[in-house]
Amino acid sequence: MPTINQLSGVSQVSGGDLIPVYVPNNGDARKVSVTQLLAYFQTAFAAPTVATNLYTPGTGFNQTVPTPVSEQQWIILQPAGTLAAGTLTLPLNTGVADGTEVLVTSTQIITSFTVALNGASNAYGAPTTMAANAFFRLRFYLATNSWYRIG
């Protein structure tokens, strides 16, 4: 059996092409298709882009931040006027890559604002009210299963 250095190279890759991988649990080399490897990367790692979501909530809203499709989520809350209460539920902790950020902007006052954890241990520095044109940014730290206010 040839070693990796003895294999011929390719100039283009297709989804069905196979890549060797070492599987420690089995103690041997196996194969994975480029398509399977891409699917793994898409579920295990967030893309380095910003996903923007605009919501026009009413009083008593409970808006969930989507499971990240990117390392940065920008949530724009654009209610028609001042809101008495509202909740923003963070993405499910098991679907969030380490270092994921959520930026929240509100164009109006939200008198009583709640940040729901959705499986995380804590959201340090999360606001309890939002002023008009206020914003805050939270970053997820996997080691503590917590969100931290930054910036």
N, C-alpha and C. Protein backbone atom coordinates (compact mmCIF):
# COMPACT_ATOMS: atom_id res chain seq x y z
N MET A 1 0.85 -1.18 0.00
CA MET A 1 0.00 0.00 0.00
C MET A 1 0.89 1.24 0.00
N PRO A 2 0.62 2.21 -0.90
CA PRO A 2 1.46 3.41 -0.97
C PRO A 2 1.22 4.34 0.22
N THR A 3 2.23 5.13 0.54
CA THR A 3 2.07 6.16 1.55
C THR A 3 1.47 7.38 0.88
N ILE A 4 1.03 8.35 1.67
CA ILE A 4 0.36 9.54 1.13
C ILE A 4 1.25 10.28 0.14
N ASN A 5 2.55 10.31 0.38
CA ASN A 5 3.48 11.01 -0.52
C ASN A 5 3.64 10.32 -1.86
N GLN A 6 3.26 9.04 -1.96
CA GLN A 6 3.40 8.29 -3.20
C GLN A 6 2.16 8.38 -4.08
N LEU A 7 1.08 8.98 -3.57
CA LEU A 7 -0.16 9.08 -4.34
C LEU A 7 -0.06 10.19 -5.37
N SER A 8 -0.78 10.03 -6.47
CA SER A 8 -0.84 11.07 -7.50
C SER A 8 -1.68 12.24 -6.98
N GLY A 9 -1.36 13.43 -7.44
CA GLY A 9 -2.12 14.62 -7.06
C GLY A 9 -3.27 14.85 -8.01
N VAL A 10 -4.24 15.67 -7.61
CA VAL A 10 -5.36 16.04 -8.47
C VAL A 10 -5.41 17.57 -8.56
N SER A 11 -5.91 18.06 -9.69
CA SER A 11 -6.00 19.51 -9.86
C SER A 11 -7.38 20.04 -9.50
N GLN A 12 -8.40 19.17 -9.51
CA GLN A 12 -9.75 19.56 -9.13
C GLN A 12 -10.33 18.49 -8.22
N VAL A 13 -11.21 18.93 -7.31
CA VAL A 13 -11.83 18.01 -6.36
C VAL A 13 -13.33 18.02 -6.59
N SER A 14 -13.95 16.84 -6.53
CA SER A 14 -15.41 16.76 -6.63
C SER A 14 -15.95 16.16 -5.33
N GLY A 15 -17.24 16.28 -5.13
CA GLY A 15 -17.87 15.84 -3.89
C GLY A 15 -17.71 14.36 -3.60
N GLY A 16 -17.58 13.55 -4.63
CA GLY A 16 -17.43 12.11 -4.43
C GLY A 16 -16.01 11.65 -4.20
N ASP A 17 -15.03 12.54 -4.39
CA ASP A 17 -13.64 12.17 -4.15
C ASP A 17 -13.45 11.79 -2.69
N LEU A 18 -12.54 10.86 -2.45
CA LEU A 18 -12.31 10.35 -1.10
C LEU A 18 -10.99 10.86 -0.53
N ILE A 19 -11.03 11.15 0.76
CA ILE A 19 -9.86 11.65 1.47
C ILE A 19 -9.56 10.69 2.61
N PRO A 20 -8.29 10.32 2.80
CA PRO A 20 -7.97 9.43 3.93
C PRO A 20 -7.99 10.19 5.26
N VAL A 21 -8.51 9.55 6.28
CA VAL A 21 -8.50 10.10 7.63
C VAL A 21 -8.09 9.00 8.61
N TYR A 22 -7.37 9.38 9.63
CA TYR A 22 -7.00 8.43 10.67
C TYR A 22 -8.06 8.49 11.76
N VAL A 23 -8.61 7.34 12.15
CA VAL A 23 -9.66 7.26 13.17
C VAL A 23 -9.05 6.63 14.42
N PRO A 24 -8.75 7.47 15.45
CA PRO A 24 -8.08 6.95 16.65
C PRO A 24 -8.86 5.85 17.36
N ASN A 25 -10.18 5.94 17.38
CA ASN A 25 -10.98 4.92 18.07
C ASN A 25 -10.82 3.54 17.44
N ASN A 26 -10.59 3.51 16.12
CA ASN A 26 -10.41 2.24 15.42
C ASN A 26 -8.95 1.89 15.22
N GLY A 27 -8.07 2.88 15.40
CA GLY A 27 -6.64 2.63 15.25
C GLY A 27 -6.20 2.40 13.82
N ASP A 28 -6.97 2.90 12.86
CA ASP A 28 -6.58 2.72 11.48
C ASP A 28 -7.05 3.89 10.61
N ALA A 29 -6.67 3.85 9.35
CA ALA A 29 -7.07 4.88 8.39
C ALA A 29 -8.37 4.46 7.72
N ARG A 30 -9.24 5.42 7.52
CA ARG A 30 -10.51 5.20 6.83
C ARG A 30 -10.62 6.24 5.73
N LYS A 31 -11.77 6.29 5.07
CA LYS A 31 -11.97 7.28 4.01
C LYS A 31 -13.25 8.08 4.28
N VAL A 32 -13.25 9.31 3.78
CA VAL A 32 -14.42 10.17 3.87
C VAL A 32 -14.51 10.94 2.56
N SER A 33 -15.74 11.13 2.08
CA SER A 33 -15.90 11.88 0.82
C SER A 33 -15.77 13.37 1.11
N VAL A 34 -15.45 14.11 0.08
CA VAL A 34 -15.35 15.57 0.20
C VAL A 34 -16.70 16.13 0.65
N THR A 35 -17.80 15.58 0.14
CA THR A 35 -19.15 16.02 0.52
C THR A 35 -19.40 15.79 2.01
N GLN A 36 -19.02 14.62 2.52
CA GLN A 36 -19.20 14.34 3.94
C GLN A 36 -18.33 15.25 4.81
N LEU A 37 -17.12 15.51 4.37
CA LEU A 37 -16.22 16.38 5.11
C LEU A 37 -16.76 17.81 5.14
N LEU A 38 -17.28 18.28 4.01
CA LEU A 38 -17.88 19.61 3.96
C LEU A 38 -19.08 19.71 4.89
N ALA A 39 -19.94 18.69 4.91
CA ALA A 39 -21.10 18.69 5.80
C ALA A 39 -20.66 18.76 7.26
N TYR A 40 -19.60 18.05 7.60
CA TYR A 40 -19.07 18.10 8.96
C TYR A 40 -18.60 19.52 9.31
N PHE A 41 -17.85 20.14 8.43
CA PHE A 41 -17.37 21.50 8.68
C PHE A 41 -18.52 22.49 8.82
N GLN A 42 -19.55 22.33 8.00
CA GLN A 42 -20.69 23.24 8.06
C GLN A 42 -21.46 23.12 9.37
N THR A 43 -21.51 21.95 9.96
CA THR A 43 -22.22 21.79 11.23
C THR A 43 -21.33 22.06 12.43
N ALA A 44 -20.04 21.85 12.30
CA ALA A 44 -19.15 22.00 13.45
C ALA A 44 -18.55 23.40 13.58
N PHE A 45 -18.49 24.14 12.48
CA PHE A 45 -17.85 25.44 12.51
C PHE A 45 -18.74 26.47 11.85
N ALA A 46 -18.79 27.65 12.44
CA ALA A 46 -19.57 28.74 11.85
C ALA A 46 -18.76 29.42 10.76
N ALA A 47 -19.45 29.89 9.74
CA ALA A 47 -18.79 30.61 8.66
C ALA A 47 -18.35 31.99 9.15
N PRO A 48 -17.26 32.52 8.66
CA PRO A 48 -16.75 33.81 9.15
C PRO A 48 -17.46 35.01 8.51
N THR A 49 -18.77 35.00 8.54
CA THR A 49 -19.54 36.11 7.99
C THR A 49 -20.57 36.55 9.01
N VAL A 50 -21.30 37.58 8.69
CA VAL A 50 -22.35 38.09 9.57
C VAL A 50 -23.70 37.71 8.98
N ALA A 51 -24.56 37.11 9.81
CA ALA A 51 -25.94 36.84 9.41
C ALA A 51 -26.80 37.90 10.07
N THR A 52 -27.59 38.62 9.27
CA THR A 52 -28.41 39.72 9.78
C THR A 52 -29.88 39.31 9.78
N ASN A 53 -30.57 39.58 10.90
CA ASN A 53 -31.98 39.27 11.03
C ASN A 53 -32.71 40.50 11.56
N LEU A 54 -33.74 40.94 10.84
CA LEU A 54 -34.54 42.10 11.24
C LEU A 54 -35.90 41.62 11.73
N TYR A 55 -36.28 42.08 12.93
CA TYR A 55 -37.56 41.71 13.51
C TYR A 55 -38.32 42.97 13.91
N THR A 56 -39.64 42.94 13.77
CA THR A 56 -40.49 44.05 14.19
C THR A 56 -41.43 43.53 15.28
N PRO A 57 -40.92 43.35 16.49
CA PRO A 57 -41.71 42.71 17.54
C PRO A 57 -42.75 43.64 18.16
N GLY A 58 -43.75 43.02 18.80
CA GLY A 58 -44.74 43.74 19.60
C GLY A 58 -44.47 43.46 21.06
N THR A 59 -45.16 44.16 21.94
CA THR A 59 -44.98 43.97 23.38
C THR A 59 -45.21 42.50 23.75
N GLY A 60 -44.38 42.02 24.64
CA GLY A 60 -44.47 40.63 25.08
C GLY A 60 -43.81 39.65 24.12
N PHE A 61 -42.98 40.14 23.22
CA PHE A 61 -42.35 39.27 22.22
C PHE A 61 -41.36 38.31 22.86
N ASN A 62 -41.16 37.18 22.20
CA ASN A 62 -40.11 36.23 22.54
C ASN A 62 -39.48 35.82 21.21
N GLN A 63 -38.39 36.46 20.87
CA GLN A 63 -37.71 36.21 19.61
C GLN A 63 -36.47 35.36 19.85
N THR A 64 -36.33 34.28 19.10
CA THR A 64 -35.17 33.40 19.24
C THR A 64 -34.13 33.74 18.19
N VAL A 65 -32.89 33.90 18.63
CA VAL A 65 -31.78 34.10 17.69
C VAL A 65 -31.57 32.77 16.98
N PRO A 66 -31.52 32.75 15.66
CA PRO A 66 -31.34 31.49 14.93
C PRO A 66 -30.03 30.81 15.30
N THR A 67 -30.01 29.48 15.18
CA THR A 67 -28.76 28.76 15.37
C THR A 67 -27.78 29.33 14.35
N PRO A 68 -26.58 29.65 14.81
CA PRO A 68 -25.65 30.37 13.93
C PRO A 68 -25.36 29.65 12.62
N VAL A 69 -25.45 30.42 11.56
CA VAL A 69 -24.95 30.00 10.27
C VAL A 69 -23.65 30.74 10.01
N SER A 70 -23.28 31.58 10.98
CA SER A 70 -22.06 32.36 10.88
C SER A 70 -21.54 32.62 12.29
N GLU A 71 -20.30 33.06 12.39
CA GLU A 71 -19.73 33.36 13.70
C GLU A 71 -20.32 34.61 14.31
N GLN A 72 -21.00 35.42 13.51
CA GLN A 72 -21.58 36.66 14.01
C GLN A 72 -23.03 36.75 13.58
N GLN A 73 -23.88 37.02 14.55
CA GLN A 73 -25.30 37.21 14.29
C GLN A 73 -25.63 38.66 14.64
N TRP A 74 -26.31 39.35 13.76
CA TRP A 74 -26.74 40.71 14.05
C TRP A 74 -28.26 40.69 14.09
N ILE A 75 -28.80 40.96 15.25
CA ILE A 75 -30.25 40.98 15.46
C ILE A 75 -30.69 42.44 15.56
N ILE A 76 -31.55 42.86 14.65
CA ILE A 76 -32.08 44.22 14.67
C ILE A 76 -33.53 44.13 15.13
N LEU A 77 -33.82 44.76 16.26
CA LEU A 77 -35.19 44.84 16.77
C LEU A 77 -35.72 46.22 16.38
N GLN A 78 -36.77 46.24 15.57
CA GLN A 78 -37.30 47.50 15.06
C GLN A 78 -38.81 47.57 15.33
N PRO A 79 -39.18 47.70 16.62
CA PRO A 79 -40.61 47.81 16.93
C PRO A 79 -41.16 49.16 16.48
N ALA A 80 -42.49 49.25 16.40
CA ALA A 80 -43.14 50.48 15.97
C ALA A 80 -42.99 51.60 16.99
N GLY A 81 -42.87 51.24 18.26
CA GLY A 81 -42.73 52.22 19.33
C GLY A 81 -42.18 51.55 20.57
N THR A 82 -42.22 52.28 21.68
CA THR A 82 -41.74 51.76 22.96
C THR A 82 -42.48 50.47 23.33
N LEU A 83 -41.73 49.48 23.81
CA LEU A 83 -42.33 48.21 24.24
C LEU A 83 -42.18 48.06 25.75
N ALA A 84 -43.21 47.53 26.39
CA ALA A 84 -43.17 47.31 27.83
C ALA A 84 -42.25 46.14 28.19
N ALA A 85 -42.27 45.08 27.37
CA ALA A 85 -41.50 43.89 27.71
C ALA A 85 -41.16 43.09 26.46
N GLY A 86 -40.09 42.31 26.57
CA GLY A 86 -39.71 41.43 25.48
C GLY A 86 -38.55 40.54 25.88
N THR A 87 -38.46 39.39 25.23
CA THR A 87 -37.41 38.42 25.52
C THR A 87 -36.69 38.06 24.23
N LEU A 88 -35.39 38.00 24.32
CA LEU A 88 -34.56 37.51 23.22
C LEU A 88 -33.92 36.22 23.70
N THR A 89 -34.25 35.12 23.04
CA THR A 89 -33.70 33.81 23.41
C THR A 89 -32.47 33.54 22.56
N LEU A 90 -31.35 33.29 23.23
CA LEU A 90 -30.09 33.02 22.54
C LEU A 90 -30.15 31.68 21.82
N PRO A 91 -29.27 31.45 20.86
CA PRO A 91 -29.27 30.16 20.16
C PRO A 91 -28.98 29.01 21.14
N LEU A 92 -29.48 27.84 20.82
CA LEU A 92 -29.26 26.66 21.65
C LEU A 92 -27.76 26.44 21.82
N ASN A 93 -27.33 26.30 23.07
CA ASN A 93 -25.90 26.23 23.37
C ASN A 93 -25.17 25.09 22.65
N THR A 94 -25.83 24.00 22.38
CA THR A 94 -25.16 22.87 21.73
C THR A 94 -24.96 23.09 20.23
N GLY A 95 -25.58 24.14 19.68
CA GLY A 95 -25.41 24.43 18.26
C GLY A 95 -24.56 25.65 17.99
N VAL A 96 -23.84 26.11 19.02
CA VAL A 96 -23.08 27.35 18.91
C VAL A 96 -21.58 27.05 18.96
N ALA A 97 -20.86 27.54 17.99
CA ALA A 97 -19.40 27.38 17.98
C ALA A 97 -18.76 28.32 19.00
N ASP A 98 -17.63 27.91 19.54
CA ASP A 98 -16.88 28.73 20.49
C ASP A 98 -16.52 30.06 19.82
N GLY A 99 -16.80 31.17 20.51
CA GLY A 99 -16.47 32.48 19.98
C GLY A 99 -17.57 33.14 19.17
N THR A 100 -18.70 32.47 19.02
CA THR A 100 -19.82 33.05 18.28
C THR A 100 -20.28 34.33 18.97
N GLU A 101 -20.59 35.35 18.17
CA GLU A 101 -21.05 36.63 18.70
C GLU A 101 -22.47 36.93 18.25
N VAL A 102 -23.21 37.55 19.15
CA VAL A 102 -24.55 38.04 18.83
C VAL A 102 -24.57 39.53 19.15
N LEU A 103 -24.83 40.34 18.13
CA LEU A 103 -24.97 41.78 18.28
C LEU A 103 -26.45 42.10 18.19
N VAL A 104 -26.97 42.81 19.20
CA VAL A 104 -28.39 43.15 19.23
C VAL A 104 -28.54 44.66 19.22
N THR A 105 -29.38 45.17 18.32
CA THR A 105 -29.66 46.59 18.21
C THR A 105 -31.17 46.78 18.32
N SER A 106 -31.59 47.78 19.09
CA SER A 106 -33.01 48.11 19.18
C SER A 106 -33.21 49.57 18.80
N THR A 107 -34.18 49.81 17.92
CA THR A 107 -34.45 51.18 17.49
C THR A 107 -35.38 51.91 18.45
N GLN A 108 -36.03 51.17 19.36
CA GLN A 108 -36.98 51.76 20.30
C GLN A 108 -36.67 51.28 21.72
N ILE A 109 -37.28 51.92 22.70
CA ILE A 109 -37.12 51.54 24.11
C ILE A 109 -37.83 50.22 24.37
N ILE A 110 -37.17 49.35 25.11
CA ILE A 110 -37.80 48.13 25.62
C ILE A 110 -37.61 48.21 27.13
N THR A 111 -38.69 48.49 27.85
CA THR A 111 -38.62 48.78 29.28
C THR A 111 -38.14 47.60 30.10
N SER A 112 -38.65 46.41 29.83
CA SER A 112 -38.24 45.21 30.55
C SER A 112 -37.74 44.21 29.51
N PHE A 113 -36.43 44.00 29.49
CA PHE A 113 -35.81 43.17 28.46
C PHE A 113 -35.14 41.98 29.12
N THR A 114 -35.42 40.79 28.59
CA THR A 114 -34.86 39.56 29.13
C THR A 114 -34.04 38.85 28.06
N VAL A 115 -32.87 38.36 28.45
CA VAL A 115 -32.06 37.51 27.58
C VAL A 115 -32.16 36.10 28.12
N ALA A 116 -32.84 35.21 27.38
CA ALA A 116 -33.02 33.81 27.79
C ALA A 116 -31.83 32.98 27.32
N LEU A 117 -31.35 32.09 28.18
CA LEU A 117 -30.09 31.39 27.96
C LEU A 117 -30.16 30.22 26.98
N ASN A 118 -31.24 29.50 26.90
CA ASN A 118 -31.41 28.38 25.97
C ASN A 118 -30.31 27.31 26.12
N GLY A 119 -30.06 26.91 27.36
CA GLY A 119 -29.09 25.84 27.63
C GLY A 119 -27.75 26.32 28.13
N ALA A 120 -27.42 27.58 27.91
CA ALA A 120 -26.15 28.12 28.42
C ALA A 120 -26.24 28.30 29.93
N SER A 121 -25.10 28.41 30.58
CA SER A 121 -25.06 28.58 32.03
C SER A 121 -25.35 30.00 32.47
N ASN A 122 -24.90 30.99 31.69
CA ASN A 122 -25.06 32.37 32.10
C ASN A 122 -24.88 33.30 30.91
N ALA A 123 -25.38 34.52 31.08
CA ALA A 123 -25.14 35.59 30.11
C ALA A 123 -24.67 36.79 30.92
N TYR A 124 -23.37 36.86 31.13
CA TYR A 124 -22.78 37.91 31.98
C TYR A 124 -22.87 39.27 31.28
N GLY A 125 -23.49 40.22 31.96
CA GLY A 125 -23.59 41.57 31.44
C GLY A 125 -24.77 41.80 30.51
N ALA A 126 -25.67 40.82 30.40
CA ALA A 126 -26.84 41.00 29.53
C ALA A 126 -27.73 42.10 30.12
N PRO A 127 -28.22 43.00 29.28
CA PRO A 127 -29.03 44.11 29.78
C PRO A 127 -30.43 43.65 30.19
N THR A 128 -31.06 44.44 31.05
CA THR A 128 -32.43 44.17 31.48
C THR A 128 -33.39 45.21 30.92
N THR A 129 -32.87 46.17 30.20
CA THR A 129 -33.67 47.18 29.52
C THR A 129 -32.89 47.63 28.29
N MET A 130 -33.60 48.17 27.31
CA MET A 130 -32.94 48.68 26.11
C MET A 130 -33.42 50.10 25.87
N ALA A 131 -32.50 51.00 25.67
CA ALA A 131 -32.85 52.37 25.29
C ALA A 131 -33.03 52.42 23.78
N ALA A 132 -33.66 53.46 23.30
CA ALA A 132 -33.78 53.64 21.86
C ALA A 132 -32.39 53.76 21.25
N ASN A 133 -32.16 53.05 20.17
CA ASN A 133 -30.88 53.03 19.45
C ASN A 133 -29.74 52.45 20.27
N ALA A 134 -30.07 51.64 21.26
CA ALA A 134 -29.05 50.97 22.08
C ALA A 134 -28.64 49.66 21.41
N PHE A 135 -27.49 49.17 21.82
CA PHE A 135 -27.01 47.88 21.31
C PHE A 135 -26.13 47.23 22.36
N PHE A 136 -25.94 45.92 22.22
CA PHE A 136 -24.99 45.19 23.04
C PHE A 136 -24.52 43.98 22.24
N ARG A 137 -23.36 43.47 22.63
CA ARG A 137 -22.76 42.32 21.95
C ARG A 137 -22.40 41.27 22.99
N LEU A 138 -22.79 40.02 22.72
CA LEU A 138 -22.43 38.90 23.57
C LEU A 138 -21.57 37.93 22.77
N ARG A 139 -20.58 37.33 23.45
CA ARG A 139 -19.73 36.32 22.82
C ARG A 139 -19.81 35.04 23.65
N PHE A 140 -19.94 33.90 22.96
CA PHE A 140 -20.06 32.60 23.63
C PHE A 140 -18.68 32.00 23.88
N TYR A 141 -18.47 31.54 25.12
CA TYR A 141 -17.21 30.87 25.48
C TYR A 141 -17.57 29.44 25.86
N LEU A 142 -17.20 28.50 25.01
CA LEU A 142 -17.58 27.10 25.14
C LEU A 142 -17.11 26.49 26.46
N ALA A 143 -15.91 26.82 26.91
CA ALA A 143 -15.34 26.20 28.12
C ALA A 143 -16.20 26.44 29.35
N THR A 144 -16.90 27.57 29.42
CA THR A 144 -17.77 27.85 30.57
C THR A 144 -19.25 27.76 30.21
N ASN A 145 -19.55 27.45 28.94
CA ASN A 145 -20.93 27.35 28.46
C ASN A 145 -21.69 28.65 28.77
N SER A 146 -21.01 29.78 28.58
CA SER A 146 -21.59 31.07 28.96
C SER A 146 -21.39 32.12 27.87
N TRP A 147 -22.27 33.11 27.91
CA TRP A 147 -22.19 34.29 27.05
C TRP A 147 -21.62 35.43 27.87
N TYR A 148 -20.77 36.24 27.27
CA TYR A 148 -20.12 37.37 27.95
C TYR A 148 -20.34 38.62 27.12
N ARG A 149 -20.72 39.70 27.80
CA ARG A 149 -20.88 40.97 27.10
C ARG A 149 -19.50 41.52 26.77
N ILE A 150 -19.32 41.96 25.55
CA ILE A 150 -18.04 42.51 25.11
C ILE A 150 -18.28 43.85 24.44
N GLY A 151 -17.23 44.65 24.35
CA GLY A 151 -17.28 45.90 23.63
C GLY A 151 -17.98 47.03 24.31
